[in-house]
PDB file of N, CA and C in Angstrom:
ATOM      1  N   ASP A   1     101.301  77.566  90.857  1.00  0.00           N
ATOM      2  CA  ASP A   1     100.087  78.169  90.327  1.00  0.00           C
ATOM      3  C   ASP A   1     100.276  78.522  88.853  1.00  0.00           C
ATOM      4  N   VAL A   2      99.211  78.448  88.128  1.00  0.00           N
ATOM      5  CA  VAL A   2      99.195  78.874  86.731  1.00  0.00           C
ATOM      6  C   VAL A   2      98.436  80.191  86.669  1.00  0.00           C
ATOM      7  N   LEU A   3      99.148  81.243  86.263  1.00  0.00           N
ATOM      8  CA  LEU A   3      98.539  82.560  86.125  1.00  0.00           C
ATOM      9  C   LEU A   3      98.579  82.962  84.661  1.00  0.00           C
ATOM     10  N   LEU A   4      97.460  83.419  84.151  1.00  0.00           N
ATOM     11  CA  LEU A   4      97.442  83.966  82.801  1.00  0.00           C
ATOM     12  C   LEU A   4      97.971  85.385  82.879  1.00  0.00           C
ATOM     13  N   SER A   5      98.789  85.760  81.928  1.00  0.00           N
ATOM     14  CA  SER A   5      99.376  87.094  81.923  1.00  0.00           C
ATOM     15  C   SER A   5      98.681  87.956  80.880  1.00  0.00           C
ATOM     16  N   VAL A   6      98.288  89.148  81.309  1.00  0.00           N
ATOM     17  CA  VAL A   6      97.612  90.086  80.417  1.00  0.00           C
ATOM     18  C   VAL A   6      98.442  91.353  80.356  1.00  0.00           C
ATOM     19  N   THR A   7      98.757  91.794  79.141  1.00  0.00           N
ATOM     20  CA  THR A   7      99.559  93.001  78.977  1.00  0.00           C
ATOM     21  C   THR A   7      98.774  94.073  78.230  1.00  0.00           C
ATOM     22  N   ASN A   8      99.086  95.298  78.537  1.00  0.00           N
ATOM     23  CA  ASN A   8      98.576  96.451  77.803  1.00  0.00           C
ATOM     24  C   ASN A   8      99.660  97.516  77.906  1.00  0.00           C
ATOM     25  N   PHE A   9     100.249  97.864  76.788  1.00  0.00           N
ATOM     26  CA  PHE A   9     101.386  98.782  76.789  1.00  0.00           C
ATOM     27  C   PHE A   9     101.007 100.095  76.115  1.00  0.00           C
ATOM     28  N   GLY A  10     101.496 101.172  76.684  1.00  0.00           N
ATOM     29  CA  GLY A  10     101.325 102.491  76.083  1.00  0.00           C
ATOM     30  C   GLY A  10     100.281 103.319  76.802  1.00  0.00           C
ATOM     31  N   ALA A  11     100.600 104.591  76.991  1.00  0.00           N
ATOM     32  CA  ALA A  11      99.701 105.495  77.712  1.00  0.00           C
ATOM     33  C   ALA A  11      98.342 105.611  77.031  1.00  0.00           C
ATOM     34  N   ALA A  12      98.334 105.739  75.719  1.00  0.00           N
ATOM     35  CA  ALA A  12      97.059 105.894  75.005  1.00  0.00           C
ATOM     36  C   ALA A  12      96.202 104.629  75.135  1.00  0.00           C
ATOM     37  N   ASN A  13      96.827 103.453  74.984  1.00  0.00           N
ATOM     38  CA  ASN A  13      96.084 102.192  75.108  1.00  0.00           C
ATOM     39  C   ASN A  13      95.510 102.025  76.507  1.00  0.00           C
ATOM     40  N   ASN A  14      96.312 102.330  77.528  1.00  0.00           N
ATOM     41  CA  ASN A  14      95.833 102.184  78.906  1.00  0.00           C
ATOM     42  C   ASN A  14      94.752 103.194  79.233  1.00  0.00           C
ATOM     43  N   ALA A  15      94.913 104.432  78.799  1.00  0.00           N
ATOM     44  CA  ALA A  15      93.880 105.442  79.039  1.00  0.00           C
ATOM     45  C   ALA A  15      92.570 105.042  78.375  1.00  0.00           C
ATOM     46  N   ALA A  16      92.655 104.535  77.145  1.00  0.00           N
ATOM     47  CA  ALA A  16      91.447 104.120  76.428  1.00  0.00           C
ATOM     48  C   ALA A  16      90.754 102.964  77.147  1.00  0.00           C
ATOM     49  N   PHE A  17      91.514 101.946  77.548  1.00  0.00           N
ATOM     50  CA  PHE A  17      90.927 100.784  78.213  1.00  0.00           C
ATOM     51  C   PHE A  17      90.354 101.152  79.582  1.00  0.00           C
ATOM     52  N   LEU A  18      91.124 101.890  80.356  1.00  0.00           N
ATOM     53  CA  LEU A  18      90.703 102.198  81.729  1.00  0.00           C
ATOM     54  C   LEU A  18      89.546 103.194  81.795  1.00  0.00           C
ATOM     55  N   SER A  19      89.258 103.869  80.696  1.00  0.00           N
ATOM     56  CA  SER A  19      88.118 104.786  80.664  1.00  0.00           C
ATOM     57  C   SER A  19      86.885 104.153  80.030  1.00  0.00           C
ATOM     58  N   ASN A  20      86.981 102.889  79.631  1.00  0.00           N
ATOM     59  CA  ASN A  20      85.892 102.227  78.920  1.00  0.00           C
ATOM     60  C   ASN A  20      85.369 101.050  79.742  1.00  0.00           C
ATOM     61  N   ARG A  21      84.305 101.282  80.478  1.00  0.00           N
ATOM     62  CA  ARG A  21      83.744 100.236  81.344  1.00  0.00           C
ATOM     63  C   ARG A  21      83.237  99.035  80.539  1.00  0.00           C
ATOM     64  N   GLU A  22      82.738  99.267  79.339  1.00  0.00           N
ATOM     65  CA  GLU A  22      82.265  98.165  78.497  1.00  0.00           C
ATOM     66  C   GLU A  22      83.428  97.259  78.087  1.00  0.00           C
ATOM     67  N   ALA A  23      84.550  97.858  77.715  1.00  0.00           N
ATOM     68  CA  ALA A  23      85.739  97.077  77.351  1.00  0.00           C
ATOM     69  C   ALA A  23      86.234  96.284  78.552  1.00  0.00           C
ATOM     70  N   GLN A  24      86.192  96.880  79.731  1.00  0.00           N
ATOM     71  CA  GLN A  24      86.632  96.190  80.941  1.00  0.00           C
ATOM     72  C   GLN A  24      85.712  95.008  81.260  1.00  0.00           C
ATOM     73  N   ALA A  25      84.406  95.207  81.115  1.00  0.00           N
ATOM     74  CA  ALA A  25      83.460  94.114  81.367  1.00  0.00           C
ATOM     75  C   ALA A  25      83.686  92.971  80.376  1.00  0.00           C
ATOM     76  N   ASN A  26      83.924  93.308  79.111  1.00  0.00           N
ATOM     77  CA  ASN A  26      84.207  92.299  78.094  1.00  0.00           C
ATOM     78  C   ASN A  26      85.493  91.550  78.429  1.00  0.00           C
ATOM     79  N   PHE A  27      86.511  92.293  78.835  1.00  0.00           N
ATOM     80  CA  PHE A  27      87.790  91.688  79.220  1.00  0.00           C
ATOM     81  C   PHE A  27      87.600  90.714  80.379  1.00  0.00           C
ATOM     82  N   ILE A  28      86.911  91.133  81.429  1.00  0.00           N
ATOM     83  CA  ILE A  28      86.738  90.280  82.606  1.00  0.00           C
ATOM     84  C   ILE A  28      85.945  89.030  82.246  1.00  0.00           C
ATOM     85  N   GLY A  29      84.915  89.176  81.433  1.00  0.00           N
ATOM     86  CA  GLY A  29      84.138  88.015  80.996  1.00  0.00           C
ATOM     87  C   GLY A  29      84.977  87.031  80.208  1.00  0.00           C
ATOM     88  N   THR A  30      85.788  87.543  79.285  1.00  0.00           N
ATOM     89  CA  THR A  30      86.679  86.689  78.495  1.00  0.00           C
ATOM     90  C   THR A  30      87.721  86.031  79.389  1.00  0.00           C
ATOM     91  N   LEU A  31      88.275  86.801  80.313  1.00  0.00           N
ATOM     92  CA  LEU A  31      89.270  86.260  81.234  1.00  0.00           C
ATOM     93  C   LEU A  31      88.692  85.133  82.071  1.00  0.00           C
ATOM     94  N   LEU A  32      87.486  85.303  82.581  1.00  0.00           N
ATOM     95  CA  LEU A  32      86.862  84.242  83.372  1.00  0.00           C
ATOM     96  C   LEU A  32      86.716  82.963  82.550  1.00  0.00           C
ATOM     97  N   SER A  33      86.329  83.105  81.298  1.00  0.00           N
ATOM     98  CA  SER A  33      86.212  81.933  80.420  1.00  0.00           C
ATOM     99  C   SER A  33      87.563  81.262  80.217  1.00  0.00           C
ATOM    100  N   LEU A  34      88.602  82.063  79.987  1.00  0.00           N
ATOM    101  CA  LEU A  34      89.937  81.504  79.773  1.00  0.00           C
ATOM    102  C   LEU A  34      90.492  80.845  81.040  1.00  0.00           C
ATOM    103  N   LEU A  35      90.237  81.444  82.185  1.00  0.00           N
ATOM    104  CA  LEU A  35      90.697  80.846  83.442  1.00  0.00           C
ATOM    105  C   LEU A  35      90.085  79.464  83.639  1.00  0.00           C
ATOM    106  N   LYS A  36      88.797  79.343  83.362  1.00  0.00           N
ATOM    107  CA  LYS A  36      88.126  78.040  83.493  1.00  0.00           C
ATOM    108  C   LYS A  36      88.649  77.059  82.451  1.00  0.00           C
ATOM    109  N   GLU A  37      88.750  77.514  81.206  1.00  0.00           N
ATOM    110  CA  GLU A  37      89.205  76.654  80.107  1.00  0.00           C
ATOM    111  C   GLU A  37      90.613  76.120  80.353  1.00  0.00           C
ATOM    112  N   ARG A  38      91.492  76.957  80.893  1.00  0.00           N
ATOM    113  CA  ARG A  38      92.890  76.573  81.112  1.00  0.00           C
ATOM    114  C   ARG A  38      93.143  76.002  82.503  1.00  0.00           C
ATOM    115  N   ASN A  39      92.081  75.939  83.308  1.00  0.00           N
ATOM    116  CA  ASN A  39      92.203  75.493  84.698  1.00  0.00           C
ATOM    117  C   ASN A  39      93.301  76.282  85.420  1.00  0.00           C
ATOM    118  N   ALA A  40      93.296  77.589  85.191  1.00  0.00           N
ATOM    119  CA  ALA A  40      94.315  78.477  85.756  1.00  0.00           C
ATOM    120  C   ALA A  40      93.889  78.944  87.148  1.00  0.00           C
ATOM    121  N   ASP A  41      94.879  79.487  87.857  1.00  0.00           N
ATOM    122  CA  ASP A  41      94.665  79.898  89.247  1.00  0.00           C
ATOM    123  C   ASP A  41      94.503  81.399  89.414  1.00  0.00           C
ATOM    124  N   GLY A  42      94.658  82.153  88.336  1.00  0.00           N
ATOM    125  CA  GLY A  42      94.508  83.597  88.448  1.00  0.00           C
ATOM    126  C   GLY A  42      95.144  84.310  87.280  1.00  0.00           C
ATOM    127  N   VAL A  43      95.413  85.599  87.502  1.00  0.00           N
ATOM    128  CA  VAL A  43      95.878  86.461  86.427  1.00  0.00           C
ATOM    129  C   VAL A  43      96.980  87.395  86.916  1.00  0.00           C
ATOM    130  N   ASN A  44      97.929  87.659  86.017  1.00  0.00           N
ATOM    131  CA  ASN A  44      98.917  88.701  86.241  1.00  0.00           C
ATOM    132  C   ASN A  44      98.583  89.856  85.309  1.00  0.00           C
ATOM    133  N   ILE A  45      98.352  91.028  85.886  1.00  0.00           N
ATOM    134  CA  ILE A  45      98.061  92.228  85.109  1.00  0.00           C
ATOM    135  C   ILE A  45      99.367  92.997  84.922  1.00  0.00           C
ATOM    136  N   ASP A  46      99.765  93.187  83.667  1.00  0.00           N
ATOM    137  CA  ASP A  46     100.990  93.905  83.328  1.00  0.00           C
ATOM    138  C   ASP A  46     100.630  95.042  82.379  1.00  0.00           C
ATOM    139  N   PHE A  47     100.154  96.139  82.946  1.00  0.00           N
ATOM    140  CA  PHE A  47      99.833  97.337  82.179  1.00  0.00           C
ATOM    141  C   PHE A  47     100.993  98.307  82.378  1.00  0.00           C
ATOM    142  N   GLU A  48     101.626  98.702  81.298  1.00  0.00           N
ATOM    143  CA  GLU A  48     102.798  99.561  81.404  1.00  0.00           C
ATOM    144  C   GLU A  48     102.544 100.902  80.726  1.00  0.00           C
ATOM    145  N   ALA A  49     103.076 101.951  81.335  1.00  0.00           N
ATOM    146  CA  ALA A  49     102.907 103.339  80.887  1.00  0.00           C
ATOM    147  C   ALA A  49     101.474 103.812  81.102  1.00  0.00           C
ATOM    148  N   ILE A  50     100.987 103.627  82.305  1.00  0.00           N
ATOM    149  CA  ILE A  50      99.649 104.110  82.660  1.00  0.00           C
ATOM    150  C   ILE A  50      99.753 105.608  82.959  1.00  0.00           C
ATOM    151  N   PRO A  51      98.915 106.413  82.320  1.00  0.00           N
ATOM    152  CA  PRO A  51      98.969 107.845  82.612  1.00  0.00           C
ATOM    153  C   PRO A  51      98.508 108.132  84.045  1.00  0.00           C
ATOM    154  N   ARG A  52      99.108 109.120  84.662  1.00  0.00           N
ATOM    155  CA  ARG A  52      98.729 109.502  86.017  1.00  0.00           C
ATOM    156  C   ARG A  52      97.241 109.824  86.104  1.00  0.00           C
ATOM    157  N   SER A  53      96.695 110.376  85.057  1.00  0.00           N
ATOM    158  CA  SER A  53      95.270 110.725  85.038  1.00  0.00           C
ATOM    159  C   SER A  53      94.369 109.490  85.094  1.00  0.00           C
ATOM    160  N   SER A  54      94.925 108.302  84.867  1.00  0.00           N
ATOM    161  CA  SER A  54      94.145 107.059  84.909  1.00  0.00           C
ATOM    162  C   SER A  54      94.299 106.300  86.222  1.00  0.00           C
ATOM    163  N   SER A  55      94.940 106.899  87.208  1.00  0.00           N
ATOM    164  CA  SER A  55      95.202 106.226  88.480  1.00  0.00           C
ATOM    165  C   SER A  55      93.921 105.725  89.150  1.00  0.00           C
ATOM    166  N   ALA A  56      92.938 106.575  89.295  1.00  0.00           N
ATOM    167  CA  ALA A  56      91.680 106.171  89.942  1.00  0.00           C
ATOM    168  C   ALA A  56      90.976 105.095  89.113  1.00  0.00           C
ATOM    169  N   ALA A  57      91.017 105.225  87.803  1.00  0.00           N
ATOM    170  CA  ALA A  57      90.390 104.229  86.927  1.00  0.00           C
ATOM    171  C   ALA A  57      91.076 102.877  87.058  1.00  0.00           C
ATOM    172  N   LEU A  58      92.404 102.881  87.213  1.00  0.00           N
ATOM    173  CA  LEU A  58      93.133 101.623  87.434  1.00  0.00           C
ATOM    174  C   LEU A  58      92.661 100.971  88.728  1.00  0.00           C
ATOM    175  N   ASN A  59      92.582 101.741  89.805  1.00  0.00           N
ATOM    176  CA  ASN A  59      92.101 101.199  91.080  1.00  0.00           C
ATOM    177  C   ASN A  59      90.711 100.601  90.921  1.00  0.00           C
ATOM    178  N   ASN A  60      89.816 101.324  90.261  1.00  0.00           N
ATOM    179  CA  ASN A  60      88.447 100.832  90.081  1.00  0.00           C
ATOM    180  C   ASN A  60      88.417  99.552  89.253  1.00  0.00           C
ATOM    181  N   PHE A  61      89.261  99.479  88.236  1.00  0.00           N
ATOM    182  CA  PHE A  61      89.338  98.268  87.419  1.00  0.00           C
ATOM    183  C   PHE A  61      89.808  97.080  88.253  1.00  0.00           C
ATOM    184  N   ILE A  62      90.847  97.262  89.052  1.00  0.00           N
ATOM    185  CA  ILE A  62      91.366  96.167  89.877  1.00  0.00           C
ATOM    186  C   ILE A  62      90.321  95.742  90.902  1.00  0.00           C
ATOM    187  N   ILE A  63      89.598  96.674  91.484  1.00  0.00           N
ATOM    188  CA  ILE A  63      88.541  96.348  92.446  1.00  0.00           C
ATOM    189  C   ILE A  63      87.455  95.523  91.767  1.00  0.00           C
ATOM    190  N   ASP A  64      87.028  95.946  90.580  1.00  0.00           N
ATOM    191  CA  ASP A  64      85.998  95.222  89.835  1.00  0.00           C
ATOM    192  C   ASP A  64      86.498  93.839  89.421  1.00  0.00           C
ATOM    193  N   LEU A  65      87.725  93.775  88.920  1.00  0.00           N
ATOM    194  CA  LEU A  65      88.328  92.500  88.530  1.00  0.00           C
ATOM    195  C   LEU A  65      88.366  91.540  89.715  1.00  0.00           C
ATOM    196  N   SER A  66      88.831  92.018  90.837  1.00  0.00           N
ATOM    197  CA  SER A  66      88.918  91.192  92.049  1.00  0.00           C
ATOM    198  C   SER A  66      87.550  90.670  92.452  1.00  0.00           C
ATOM    199  N   GLY A  67      86.575  91.547  92.492  1.00  0.00           N
ATOM    200  CA  GLY A  67      85.227  91.137  92.892  1.00  0.00           C
ATOM    201  C   GLY A  67      84.647  90.065  91.994  1.00  0.00           C
ATOM    202  N   GLN A  68      84.794  90.251  90.689  1.00  0.00           N
ATOM    203  CA  GLN A  68      84.208  89.287  89.754  1.00  0.00           C
ATOM    204  C   GLN A  68      84.967  87.966  89.733  1.00  0.00           C
ATOM    205  N   LEU A  69      86.291  88.027  89.787  1.00  0.00           N
ATOM    206  CA  LEU A  69      87.058  86.783  89.806  1.00  0.00           C
ATOM    207  C   LEU A  69      86.765  85.990  91.068  1.00  0.00           C
ATOM    208  N   ARG A  70      86.742  86.658  92.181  1.00  0.00           N
ATOM    209  CA  ARG A  70      86.549  85.948  93.452  1.00  0.00           C
ATOM    210  C   ARG A  70      85.112  85.527  93.672  1.00  0.00           C
ATOM    211  N   SER A  71      84.184  86.131  92.952  1.00  0.00           N
ATOM    212  CA  SER A  71      82.804  85.643  92.968  1.00  0.00           C
ATOM    213  C   SER A  71      82.710  84.324  92.210  1.00  0.00           C
ATOM    214  N   ALA A  72      83.514  84.216  91.152  1.00  0.00           N
ATOM    215  CA  ALA A  72      83.527  82.988  90.354  1.00  0.00           C
ATOM    216  C   ALA A  72      84.266  81.865  91.070  1.00  0.00           C
ATOM    217  N   ARG A  73      85.367  82.206  91.730  1.00  0.00           N
ATOM    218  CA  ARG A  73      86.155  81.221  92.482  1.00  0.00           C
ATOM    219  C   ARG A  73      86.968  81.972  93.533  1.00  0.00           C
ATOM    220  N   ALA A  74      86.700  81.687  94.770  1.00  0.00           N
ATOM    221  CA  ALA A  74      87.249  82.465  95.883  1.00  0.00           C
ATOM    222  C   ALA A  74      88.770  82.475  95.927  1.00  0.00           C
ATOM    223  N   ASP A  75      89.419  81.442  95.389  1.00  0.00           N
ATOM    224  CA  ASP A  75      90.875  81.381  95.495  1.00  0.00           C
ATOM    225  C   ASP A  75      91.613  81.845  94.231  1.00  0.00           C
ATOM    226  N   TYR A  76      90.909  82.472  93.287  1.00  0.00           N
ATOM    227  CA  TYR A  76      91.627  83.062  92.158  1.00  0.00           C
ATOM    228  C   TYR A  76      92.593  84.116  92.688  1.00  0.00           C
ATOM    229  N   ARG A  77      93.794  84.145  92.122  1.00  0.00           N
ATOM    230  CA  ARG A  77      94.820  85.098  92.554  1.00  0.00           C
ATOM    231  C   ARG A  77      94.968  86.211  91.525  1.00  0.00           C
ATOM    232  N   ILE A  78      95.303  87.382  92.029  1.00  0.00           N
ATOM    233  CA  ILE A  78      95.584  88.534  91.167  1.00  0.00           C
ATOM    234  C   ILE A  78      96.974  89.036  91.519  1.00  0.00           C
ATOM    235  N   THR A  79      97.833  89.092  90.500  1.00  0.00           N
ATOM    236  CA  THR A  79      99.140  89.707  90.682  1.00  0.00           C
ATOM    237  C   THR A  79      99.198  90.929  89.769  1.00  0.00           C
ATOM    238  N   LEU A  80     100.017  91.891  90.175  1.00  0.00           N
ATOM    239  CA  LEU A  80     100.117  93.139  89.433  1.00  0.00           C
ATOM    240  C   LEU A  80     101.581  93.480  89.224  1.00  0.00           C
ATOM    241  N   ALA A  81     101.966  93.673  87.969  1.00  0.00           N
ATOM    242  CA  ALA A  81     103.335  94.070  87.653  1.00  0.00           C
ATOM    243  C   ALA A  81     103.483  95.568  87.898  1.00  0.00           C
ATOM    244  N   LEU A  82     104.545  95.910  88.636  1.00  0.00           N
ATOM    245  CA  LEU A  82     104.819  97.313  88.957  1.00  0.00           C
ATOM    246  C   LEU A  82     106.244  97.667  88.551  1.00  0.00           C
ATOM    247  N   PRO A  83     106.455  98.923  88.171  1.00  0.00           N
ATOM    248  CA  PRO A  83     107.837  99.339  87.911  1.00  0.00           C
ATOM    249  C   PRO A  83     108.615  99.385  89.220  1.00  0.00           C
ATOM    250  N   ALA A  84     109.924  99.190  89.145  1.00  0.00           N
ATOM    251  CA  ALA A  84     110.761  99.229  90.345  1.00  0.00           C
ATOM    252  C   ALA A  84     110.692 100.597  91.012  1.00  0.00           C
ATOM    253  N   ILE A  85     110.589 101.631  90.212  1.00  0.00           N
ATOM    254  CA  ILE A  85     110.404 102.989  90.715  1.00  0.00           C
ATOM    255  C   ILE A  85     109.188 103.568  90.005  1.00  0.00           C
ATOM    256  N   ALA A  86     108.195 103.967  90.763  1.00  0.00           N
ATOM    257  CA  ALA A  86     106.961 104.502  90.182  1.00  0.00           C
ATOM    258  C   ALA A  86     107.134 105.993  89.922  1.00  0.00           C
ATOM    259  N   PHE A  87     107.844 106.315  88.849  1.00  0.00           N
ATOM    260  CA  PHE A  87     108.131 107.711  88.522  1.00  0.00           C
ATOM    261  C   PHE A  87     106.850 108.527  88.374  1.00  0.00           C
ATOM    262  N   ASP A  88     105.805 107.923  87.830  1.00  0.00           N
ATOM    263  CA  ASP A  88     104.561 108.651  87.569  1.00  0.00           C
ATOM    264  C   ASP A  88     103.589 108.643  88.748  1.00  0.00           C
ATOM    265  N   GLN A  89     103.909 107.914  89.796  1.00  0.00           N
ATOM    266  CA  GLN A  89     103.068 107.837  91.002  1.00  0.00           C
ATOM    267  C   GLN A  89     101.611 107.491  90.661  1.00  0.00           C
ATOM    268  N   VAL A  90     101.449 106.462  89.850  1.00  0.00           N
ATOM    269  CA  VAL A  90     100.133 106.030  89.400  1.00  0.00           C
ATOM    270  C   VAL A  90      99.456 105.100  90.410  1.00  0.00           C
ATOM    271  N   TYR A  91     100.241 104.322  91.131  1.00  0.00           N
ATOM    272  CA  TYR A  91      99.704 103.219  91.919  1.00  0.00           C
ATOM    273  C   TYR A  91      99.382 103.634  93.352  1.00  0.00           C
ATOM    274  N   ASP A  92      98.139 103.407  93.760  1.00  0.00           N
ATOM    275  CA  ASP A  92      97.706 103.645  95.136  1.00  0.00           C
ATOM    276  C   ASP A  92      97.846 102.314  95.869  1.00  0.00           C
ATOM    277  N   ILE A  93      99.058 102.025  96.311  1.00  0.00           N
ATOM    278  CA  ILE A  93      99.376 100.719  96.895  1.00  0.00           C
ATOM    279  C   ILE A  93      98.495 100.428  98.110  1.00  0.00           C
ATOM    280  N   GLU A  94      98.239 101.409  98.924  1.00  0.00           N
ATOM    281  CA  GLU A  94      97.410 101.194 100.123  1.00  0.00           C
ATOM    282  C   GLU A  94      96.041 100.646  99.737  1.00  0.00           C
ATOM    283  N   GLN A  95      95.430 101.196  98.704  1.00  0.00           N
ATOM    284  CA  GLN A  95      94.125 100.695  98.262  1.00  0.00           C
ATOM    285  C   GLN A  95      94.269  99.370  97.513  1.00  0.00           C
ATOM    286  N   LEU A  96      95.262  99.270  96.635  1.00  0.00           N
ATOM    287  CA  LEU A  96      95.440  98.052  95.851  1.00  0.00           C
ATOM    288  C   LEU A  96      95.761  96.847  96.729  1.00  0.00           C
ATOM    289  N   ASN A  97      96.414  97.063  97.863  1.00  0.00           N
ATOM    290  CA  ASN A  97      96.732  95.960  98.783  1.00  0.00           C
ATOM    291  C   ASN A  97      95.504  95.147  99.173  1.00  0.00           C
ATOM    292  N   LEU A  98      94.355  95.757  99.151  1.00  0.00           N
ATOM    293  CA  LEU A  98      93.124  95.066  99.527  1.00  0.00           C
ATOM    294  C   LEU A  98      92.661  94.070  98.461  1.00  0.00           C
ATOM    295  N   TYR A  99      93.183  94.211  97.235  1.00  0.00           N
ATOM    296  CA  TYR A  99      92.674  93.423  96.106  1.00  0.00           C
ATOM    297  C   TYR A  99      93.741  92.631  95.357  1.00  0.00           C
ATOM    298  N   VAL A 100      94.995  92.981  95.546  1.00  0.00           N
ATOM    299  CA  VAL A 100      96.094  92.330  94.833  1.00  0.00           C
ATOM    300  C   VAL A 100      96.799  91.377  95.790  1.00  0.00           C
ATOM    301  N   ASP A 101      97.025  90.151  95.334  1.00  0.00           N
ATOM    302  CA  ASP A 101      97.685  89.141  96.174  1.00  0.00           C
ATOM    303  C   ASP A 101      99.199  89.293  96.187  1.00  0.00           C
ATOM    304  N   THR A 102      99.775  89.588  95.027  1.00  0.00           N
ATOM    305  CA  THR A 102     101.225  89.668  94.904  1.00  0.00           C
ATOM    306  C   THR A 102     101.578  90.742  93.886  1.00  0.00           C
ATOM    307  N   TYR A 103     102.648  91.482  94.185  1.00  0.00           N
ATOM    308  CA  TYR A 103     103.179  92.447  93.232  1.00  0.00           C
ATOM    309  C   TYR A 103     104.425  91.848  92.592  1.00  0.00           C
ATOM    310  N   ILE A 104     104.532  92.000  91.291  1.00  0.00           N
ATOM    311  CA  ILE A 104     105.700  91.559  90.538  1.00  0.00           C
ATOM    312  C   ILE A 104     106.483  92.823  90.177  1.00  0.00           C
ATOM    313  N   ILE A 105     107.675  92.969  90.731  1.00  0.00           N
ATOM    314  CA  ILE A 105     108.470  94.160  90.473  1.00  0.00           C
ATOM    315  C   ILE A 105     109.281  93.976  89.191  1.00  0.00           C
ATOM    316  N   MET A 106     109.101  94.880  88.260  1.00  0.00           N
ATOM    317  CA  MET A 106     109.832  94.848  86.996  1.00  0.00           C
ATOM    318  C   MET A 106     111.138  95.613  87.209  1.00  0.00           C
ATOM    319  N   GLY A 107     112.208  94.877  87.455  1.00  0.00           N
ATOM    320  CA  GLY A 107     113.485  95.490  87.788  1.00  0.00           C
ATOM    321  C   GLY A 107     114.312  95.842  86.570  1.00  0.00           C
ATOM    322  N   TYR A 108     113.727  96.559  85.648  1.00  0.00           N
ATOM    323  CA  TYR A 108     114.425  96.955  84.435  1.00  0.00           C
ATOM    324  C   TYR A 108     113.892  98.298  83.965  1.00  0.00           C
ATOM    325  N   GLU A 109     114.435  98.781  82.893  1.00  0.00           N
ATOM    326  CA  GLU A 109     114.042 100.027  82.238  1.00  0.00           C
ATOM    327  C   GLU A 109     114.266 101.262  83.121  1.00  0.00           C
ATOM    328  N   PHE A 110     115.384 101.238  83.846  1.00  0.00           N
ATOM    329  CA  PHE A 110     115.783 102.442  84.559  1.00  0.00           C
ATOM    330  C   PHE A 110     116.217 103.497  83.544  1.00  0.00           C
ATOM    331  N   TYR A 111     116.807 103.032  82.457  1.00  0.00           N
ATOM    332  CA  TYR A 111     117.161 103.878  81.336  1.00  0.00           C
ATOM    333  C   TYR A 111     116.610 103.219  80.087  1.00  0.00           C
ATOM    334  N   GLY A 112     116.236 104.013  79.127  1.00  0.00           N
ATOM    335  CA  GLY A 112     115.694 103.463  77.896  1.00  0.00           C
ATOM    336  C   GLY A 112     115.476 104.566  76.882  1.00  0.00           C
ATOM    337  N   SER A 113     114.602 104.322  75.928  1.00  0.00           N
ATOM    338  CA  SER A 113     114.368 105.294  74.865  1.00  0.00           C
ATOM    339  C   SER A 113     113.798 106.604  75.400  1.00  0.00           C
ATOM    340  N   ASN A 114     113.223 106.574  76.593  1.00  0.00           N
ATOM    341  CA  ASN A 114     112.660 107.790  77.178  1.00  0.00           C
ATOM    342  C   ASN A 114     113.653 108.547  78.058  1.00  0.00           C
ATOM    343  N   SER A 115     114.883 108.065  78.185  1.00  0.00           N
ATOM    344  CA  SER A 115     115.891 108.687  79.046  1.00  0.00           C
ATOM    345  C   SER A 115     116.641 109.799  78.322  1.00  0.00           C
ATOM    346  N   ALA A 116     117.036 110.800  79.092  1.00  0.00           N
ATOM    347  CA  ALA A 116     117.820 111.913  78.536  1.00  0.00           C
ATOM    348  C   ALA A 116     119.276 111.513  78.320  1.00  0.00           C
ATOM    349  N   VAL A 117     119.749 110.514  79.083  1.00  0.00           N
ATOM    350  CA  VAL A 117     121.132 110.031  78.961  1.00  0.00           C
ATOM    351  C   VAL A 117     121.123 108.511  78.886  1.00  0.00           C
ATOM    352  N   ALA A 118     122.199 107.956  78.371  1.00  0.00           N
ATOM    353  CA  ALA A 118     122.326 106.502  78.285  1.00  0.00           C
ATOM    354  C   ALA A 118     122.667 105.937  79.658  1.00  0.00           C
ATOM    355  N   GLY A 119     122.242 104.714  79.921  1.00  0.00           N
ATOM    356  CA  GLY A 119     122.550 104.052  81.183  1.00  0.00           C
ATOM    357  C   GLY A 119     122.101 102.612  81.137  1.00  0.00           C
ATOM    358  N   PRO A 120     122.372 101.856  82.196  1.00  0.00           N
ATOM    359  CA  PRO A 120     122.000 100.432  82.218  1.00  0.00           C
ATOM    360  C   PRO A 120     120.485 100.258  82.355  1.00  0.00           C
ATOM    361  N   VAL A 121     119.968  99.235  81.699  1.00  0.00           N
ATOM    362  CA  VAL A 121     118.529  98.994  81.783  1.00  0.00           C
ATOM    363  C   VAL A 121     118.139  98.356  83.106  1.00  0.00           C
ATOM    364  N   ALA A 122     119.065  97.658  83.760  1.00  0.00           N
ATOM    365  CA  ALA A 122     118.765  96.981  85.018  1.00  0.00           C
ATOM    366  C   ALA A 122     119.990  97.048  85.937  1.00  0.00           C
ATOM    367  N   PRO A 123     120.247  98.210  86.548  1.00  0.00           N
ATOM    368  CA  PRO A 123     121.435  98.340  87.389  1.00  0.00           C
ATOM    369  C   PRO A 123     121.360  97.491  88.638  1.00  0.00           C
ATOM    370  N   LEU A 124     122.518  97.074  89.134  1.00  0.00           N
ATOM    371  CA  LEU A 124     122.580  96.293  90.364  1.00  0.00           C
ATOM    372  C   LEU A 124     122.516  97.173  91.599  1.00  0.00           C
ATOM    373  N   ALA A 125     122.803  98.441  91.458  1.00  0.00           N
ATOM    374  CA  ALA A 125     122.764  99.378  92.579  1.00  0.00           C
ATOM    375  C   ALA A 125     121.918 100.572  92.173  1.00  0.00           C
ATOM    376  N   SER A 126     121.386 101.274  93.139  1.00  0.00           N
ATOM    377  CA  SER A 126     120.533 102.413  92.825  1.00  0.00           C
ATOM    378  C   SER A 126     121.349 103.553  92.252  1.00  0.00           C
ATOM    379  N   GLY A 127     120.692 104.430  91.606  1.00  0.00           N
ATOM    380  CA  GLY A 127     121.331 105.608  91.026  1.00  0.00           C
ATOM    381  C   GLY A 127     120.263 106.622  90.718  1.00  0.00           C
ATOM    382  N   SER A 128     120.670 107.771  90.271  1.00  0.00           N
ATOM    383  CA  SER A 128     119.687 108.778  89.919  1.00  0.00           C
ATOM    384  C   SER A 128     119.397 108.691  88.442  1.00  0.00           C
ATOM    385  N   ARG A 129     118.227 109.060  88.081  1.00  0.00           N
ATOM    386  CA  ARG A 129     117.806 108.966  86.694  1.00  0.00           C
ATOM    387  C   ARG A 129     118.036 110.251  86.000  1.00  0.00           C
TER     388      ARG A 129
END
């Protein structure tokens, strides 16, 4: 399958996008055009650093995205990139399961610029943060 990848990084960027229904409608319209133009099979959504306060808005966006994509073509796929550990508890997996075909686990950034101590970015075994 060919999936177009869409990224949005940063809490402020995600909060702004997820609170703006007009921006979301524009995004979905553009995405539908690109999917047809590229003869793609779906989209991977990779939004990183989503604020907890945007959790419901993220769910609503994915529901709207799913509805519009599948209205255009029933077999369009939606994948969603998730952190290996959801420290912020943003994702309502039970609800998202109804609209997301596959989750892509980002197995990195256990430690990084936001960590209080140094550590491996992608450990082979679990540990405490």
